[in-house]
């Protein structure tokens, strides 16, 4: 996603991984515990590719032709 944002002119790109998919399994406690443990290990090892989502913030400079 960083490369895509850069390709269209965004700067100051910050990508934060999100590891909280366990809420989807709250109805079944064994699955909830397994997913929670899995996500905590992924967060601890910084396995960004295995995150359940991402929060991306970026800034796009004003185009001088439209100023």
C-alpha atoms as a PDB file:
ATOM      1  CA  UNK A   1       0.000   0.000   0.000  1.00  0.00           C
ATOM      2  CA  UNK A   2       2.888   2.358   0.695  1.00  0.00           C
ATOM      3  CA  UNK A   3       4.113   2.036  -2.884  1.00  0.00           C
ATOM      4  CA  UNK A   4       0.605   2.638  -4.228  1.00  0.00           C
ATOM      5  CA  UNK A   5       0.181   5.781  -2.139  1.00  0.00           C
ATOM      6  CA  UNK A   6       3.614   7.047  -3.224  1.00  0.00           C
ATOM      7  CA  UNK A   7       2.802   6.376  -6.890  1.00  0.00           C
ATOM      8  CA  UNK A   8      -0.188   8.725  -6.759  1.00  0.00           C
ATOM      9  CA  UNK A   9       1.659  11.499  -4.940  1.00  0.00           C
ATOM     10  CA  UNK A  10       1.045  10.955  -1.236  1.00  0.00           C
ATOM     11  CA  UNK A  11       3.762  11.746   1.310  1.00  0.00           C
ATOM     12  CA  UNK A  12       4.153  11.215   5.066  1.00  0.00           C
ATOM     13  CA  UNK A  13       2.678   7.726   4.723  1.00  0.00           C
ATOM     14  CA  UNK A  14       2.178   5.866   7.997  1.00  0.00           C
ATOM     15  CA  UNK A  15       0.929   2.262   7.944  1.00  0.00           C
ATOM     16  CA  UNK A  16      -0.035   0.730  11.282  1.00  0.00           C
ATOM     17  CA  UNK A  17      -0.972  -2.968  11.473  1.00  0.00           C
ATOM     18  CA  UNK A  18      -4.194  -3.885  13.266  1.00  0.00           C
ATOM     19  CA  UNK A  19      -4.419  -7.218  15.129  1.00  0.00           C
ATOM     20  CA  UNK A  20      -7.924  -7.488  16.526  1.00  0.00           C
ATOM     21  CA  UNK A  21      -9.947  -9.973  14.458  1.00  0.00           C
ATOM     22  CA  UNK A  22     -10.668 -12.020  17.565  1.00  0.00           C
ATOM     23  CA  UNK A  23     -13.929 -10.126  18.198  1.00  0.00           C
ATOM     24  CA  UNK A  24     -15.491 -12.085  15.338  1.00  0.00           C
ATOM     25  CA  UNK A  25     -15.080 -15.245  17.409  1.00  0.00           C
ATOM     26  CA  UNK A  26     -16.509 -13.961  20.702  1.00  0.00           C
ATOM     27  CA  UNK A  27     -19.467 -16.357  20.384  1.00  0.00           C
ATOM     28  CA  UNK A  28     -17.135 -19.409  20.537  1.00  0.00           C
ATOM     29  CA  UNK A  29     -14.615 -19.080  23.374  1.00  0.00           C
ATOM     30  CA  UNK A  30     -12.095 -21.723  22.181  1.00  0.00           C
ATOM     31  CA  UNK A  31     -11.745 -20.029  18.764  1.00  0.00           C
ATOM     32  CA  UNK A  32     -11.597 -16.612  20.454  1.00  0.00           C
ATOM     33  CA  UNK A  33      -8.676 -17.745  22.635  1.00  0.00           C
ATOM     34  CA  UNK A  34      -6.793 -19.355  19.729  1.00  0.00           C
ATOM     35  CA  UNK A  35      -7.190 -16.310  17.475  1.00  0.00           C
ATOM     36  CA  UNK A  36      -6.214 -13.970  20.323  1.00  0.00           C
ATOM     37  CA  UNK A  37      -3.039 -15.976  21.002  1.00  0.00           C
ATOM     38  CA  UNK A  38      -2.227 -16.089  17.278  1.00  0.00           C
ATOM     39  CA  UNK A  39      -2.667 -12.326  16.891  1.00  0.00           C
ATOM     40  CA  UNK A  40      -0.574 -11.600  19.982  1.00  0.00           C
ATOM     41  CA  UNK A  41       2.267 -13.722  18.582  1.00  0.00           C
ATOM     42  CA  UNK A  42       1.970 -11.928  15.216  1.00  0.00           C
ATOM     43  CA  UNK A  43       2.101  -8.546  16.979  1.00  0.00           C
ATOM     44  CA  UNK A  44       5.031  -9.604  19.184  1.00  0.00           C
ATOM     45  CA  UNK A  45       7.004 -10.814  16.136  1.00  0.00           C
ATOM     46  CA  UNK A  46       5.887  -7.791  14.079  1.00  0.00           C
ATOM     47  CA  UNK A  47       4.472  -9.995  11.306  1.00  0.00           C
ATOM     48  CA  UNK A  48       2.762  -7.176   9.461  1.00  0.00           C
ATOM     49  CA  UNK A  49       1.749  -9.395   6.525  1.00  0.00           C
ATOM     50  CA  UNK A  50      -0.407 -11.452   8.917  1.00  0.00           C
ATOM     51  CA  UNK A  51      -2.236  -8.483  10.455  1.00  0.00           C
ATOM     52  CA  UNK A  52      -6.019  -8.523  10.328  1.00  0.00           C
ATOM     53  CA  UNK A  53      -6.044  -4.992   8.926  1.00  0.00           C
ATOM     54  CA  UNK A  54      -4.173  -1.749   8.570  1.00  0.00           C
ATOM     55  CA  UNK A  55      -4.748   1.873   9.463  1.00  0.00           C
ATOM     56  CA  UNK A  56      -3.110   4.078   6.853  1.00  0.00           C
ATOM     57  CA  UNK A  57      -2.621   7.803   7.091  1.00  0.00           C
ATOM     58  CA  UNK A  58      -0.981   9.923   4.419  1.00  0.00           C
ATOM     59  CA  UNK A  59      -0.818  13.470   3.181  1.00  0.00           C
ATOM     60  CA  UNK A  60      -1.142  14.620  -0.407  1.00  0.00           C
ATOM     61  CA  UNK A  61       0.473  17.987  -1.168  1.00  0.00           C
ATOM     62  CA  UNK A  62      -1.736  20.589  -2.768  1.00  0.00           C
ATOM     63  CA  UNK A  63      -1.407  20.651  -6.522  1.00  0.00           C
ATOM     64  CA  UNK A  64       0.106  24.019  -7.530  1.00  0.00           C
ATOM     65  CA  UNK A  65      -2.079  24.176 -10.660  1.00  0.00           C
ATOM     66  CA  UNK A  66      -5.245  24.092  -8.550  1.00  0.00           C
ATOM     67  CA  UNK A  67      -4.039  26.505  -5.855  1.00  0.00           C
END
